[in-house]
Amino acid sequence: MQAHRGDDAPIVLQDVATLDNALDQVTEWLDLHAIAIFPLRAGGEFLGFIGADPKRRQHPFTERDLTLLTGIARQTATALSAAYARRRAEGRATISRP
């Protein structure tokens, strides 16, 4: 597991087979008590996922929180899909130039 406490770097787990061991470390390091994971899908394609946690232990996710986060996930998926399509189109344009 790769993580740098105190910065905005992602926590990277290269092998999910080690998830059980790493999960305890991650939950302790981030002081997690709940998490919501949102799939990023666009055009029938799975692009990944994002997760969020309520930072206040006494206030779990509300329906309003989940609705907002679902909207953010959908917008993120749409933006990623458009970026991937643009990259593919640019790659084809580069290849087809004489």
Protein backbone atom coordinates (compact mmCIF):
# COMPACT_ATOMS: atom_id res chain seq x y z
CA MET A 1 0.00 0.00 0.00
CA GLN A 2 1.28 3.40 -0.95
CA ALA A 3 0.13 6.43 1.04
CA HIS A 4 1.57 9.71 2.20
CA ARG A 5 -0.02 11.06 5.32
CA GLY A 6 -0.90 14.73 5.21
CA ASP A 7 -0.95 15.29 1.46
CA ASP A 8 -3.54 14.87 -1.27
CA ALA A 9 -1.90 11.83 -2.84
CA PRO A 10 -4.19 8.85 -3.38
CA ILE A 11 -3.93 5.67 -1.38
CA VAL A 12 -2.86 3.03 -3.88
CA LEU A 13 -3.31 -0.67 -3.30
CA GLN A 14 -1.70 -2.44 -6.26
CA ASP A 15 -2.90 -5.94 -5.33
CA VAL A 16 -6.45 -6.36 -4.01
CA ALA A 17 -5.46 -9.78 -2.68
CA THR A 18 -3.82 -7.87 0.18
CA LEU A 19 -6.99 -5.88 0.87
CA ASP A 20 -7.77 -7.55 4.20
CA ASN A 21 -4.43 -6.50 5.67
CA ALA A 22 -4.45 -3.05 4.11
CA LEU A 23 -8.06 -2.29 4.99
CA ASP A 24 -7.32 -2.14 8.70
CA GLN A 25 -4.38 0.18 8.05
CA VAL A 26 -6.42 2.45 5.77
CA THR A 27 -9.39 2.67 8.11
CA GLU A 28 -7.13 3.55 11.02
CA TRP A 29 -4.98 5.99 9.04
CA LEU A 30 -7.99 7.85 7.64
CA ASP A 31 -10.13 7.38 10.76
CA LEU A 32 -12.84 5.76 8.64
CA HIS A 33 -16.02 4.48 10.19
CA ALA A 34 -18.25 4.45 7.11
CA ILE A 35 -17.68 4.71 3.38
CA ALA A 36 -19.83 5.03 0.28
CA ILE A 37 -18.40 3.84 -3.04
CA PHE A 38 -19.86 5.16 -6.27
CA PRO A 39 -19.24 3.44 -9.61
CA LEU A 40 -18.26 5.65 -12.53
CA ARG A 41 -20.21 4.46 -15.57
CA ALA A 42 -20.84 6.17 -18.86
CA GLY A 43 -22.23 4.77 -22.08
CA GLY A 44 -22.49 1.32 -20.53
CA GLU A 45 -18.76 1.33 -19.74
CA PHE A 46 -17.35 0.97 -16.23
CA LEU A 47 -14.62 3.59 -15.78
CA GLY A 48 -13.75 3.13 -12.12
CA PHE A 49 -15.15 4.35 -8.85
CA ILE A 50 -14.84 7.08 -6.26
CA GLY A 51 -15.43 6.84 -2.54
CA ALA A 52 -16.45 9.23 0.19
CA ASP A 53 -16.79 9.09 3.93
CA PRO A 54 -18.66 11.25 6.42
CA LYS A 55 -15.97 12.88 8.53
CA ARG A 56 -18.24 13.34 11.53
CA ARG A 57 -18.83 10.03 13.27
CA GLN A 58 -22.09 11.12 14.82
CA HIS A 59 -23.58 12.05 11.43
CA PRO A 60 -23.82 9.14 8.98
CA PHE A 61 -24.63 9.67 5.31
CA THR A 62 -27.99 11.27 4.72
CA GLU A 63 -30.12 10.70 1.63
CA ARG A 64 -29.21 14.24 0.60
CA ASP A 65 -25.48 13.41 0.90
CA LEU A 66 -25.91 10.29 -1.21
CA THR A 67 -27.92 12.14 -3.84
CA LEU A 68 -25.27 14.84 -4.09
CA LEU A 69 -22.42 12.33 -4.25
CA THR A 70 -24.25 10.26 -6.86
CA GLY A 71 -24.58 13.39 -9.00
CA ILE A 72 -20.89 14.15 -8.59
CA ALA A 73 -20.03 10.58 -9.61
CA ARG A 74 -22.25 10.81 -12.70
CA GLN A 75 -20.72 14.13 -13.75
CA THR A 76 -17.24 12.76 -13.17
CA ALA A 77 -18.01 9.70 -15.29
CA THR A 78 -19.40 11.87 -18.09
CA ALA A 79 -16.30 14.08 -18.03
CA LEU A 80 -13.96 11.06 -18.04
CA SER A 81 -15.84 9.44 -20.89
CA ALA A 82 -15.63 12.64 -22.94
CA ALA A 83 -11.91 12.97 -22.20
CA TYR A 84 -11.27 9.35 -23.22
CA ALA A 85 -13.26 9.84 -26.44
CA ARG A 86 -11.34 13.02 -27.22
CA ARG A 87 -8.02 11.24 -26.60
CA ARG A 88 -9.04 8.36 -28.88
CA ALA A 89 -10.12 10.82 -31.61
CA GLU A 90 -6.86 12.75 -31.32
CA GLY A 91 -4.91 9.51 -31.56
CA ARG A 92 -6.76 8.51 -34.73
CA ALA A 93 -6.23 11.98 -36.21
CA THR A 94 -2.51 11.76 -35.50
CA ILE A 95 -2.23 8.32 -37.04
CA SER A 96 -4.22 9.24 -40.16
CA ARG A 97 -2.11 12.29 -41.02
CA PRO A 98 0.22 11.83 -44.00
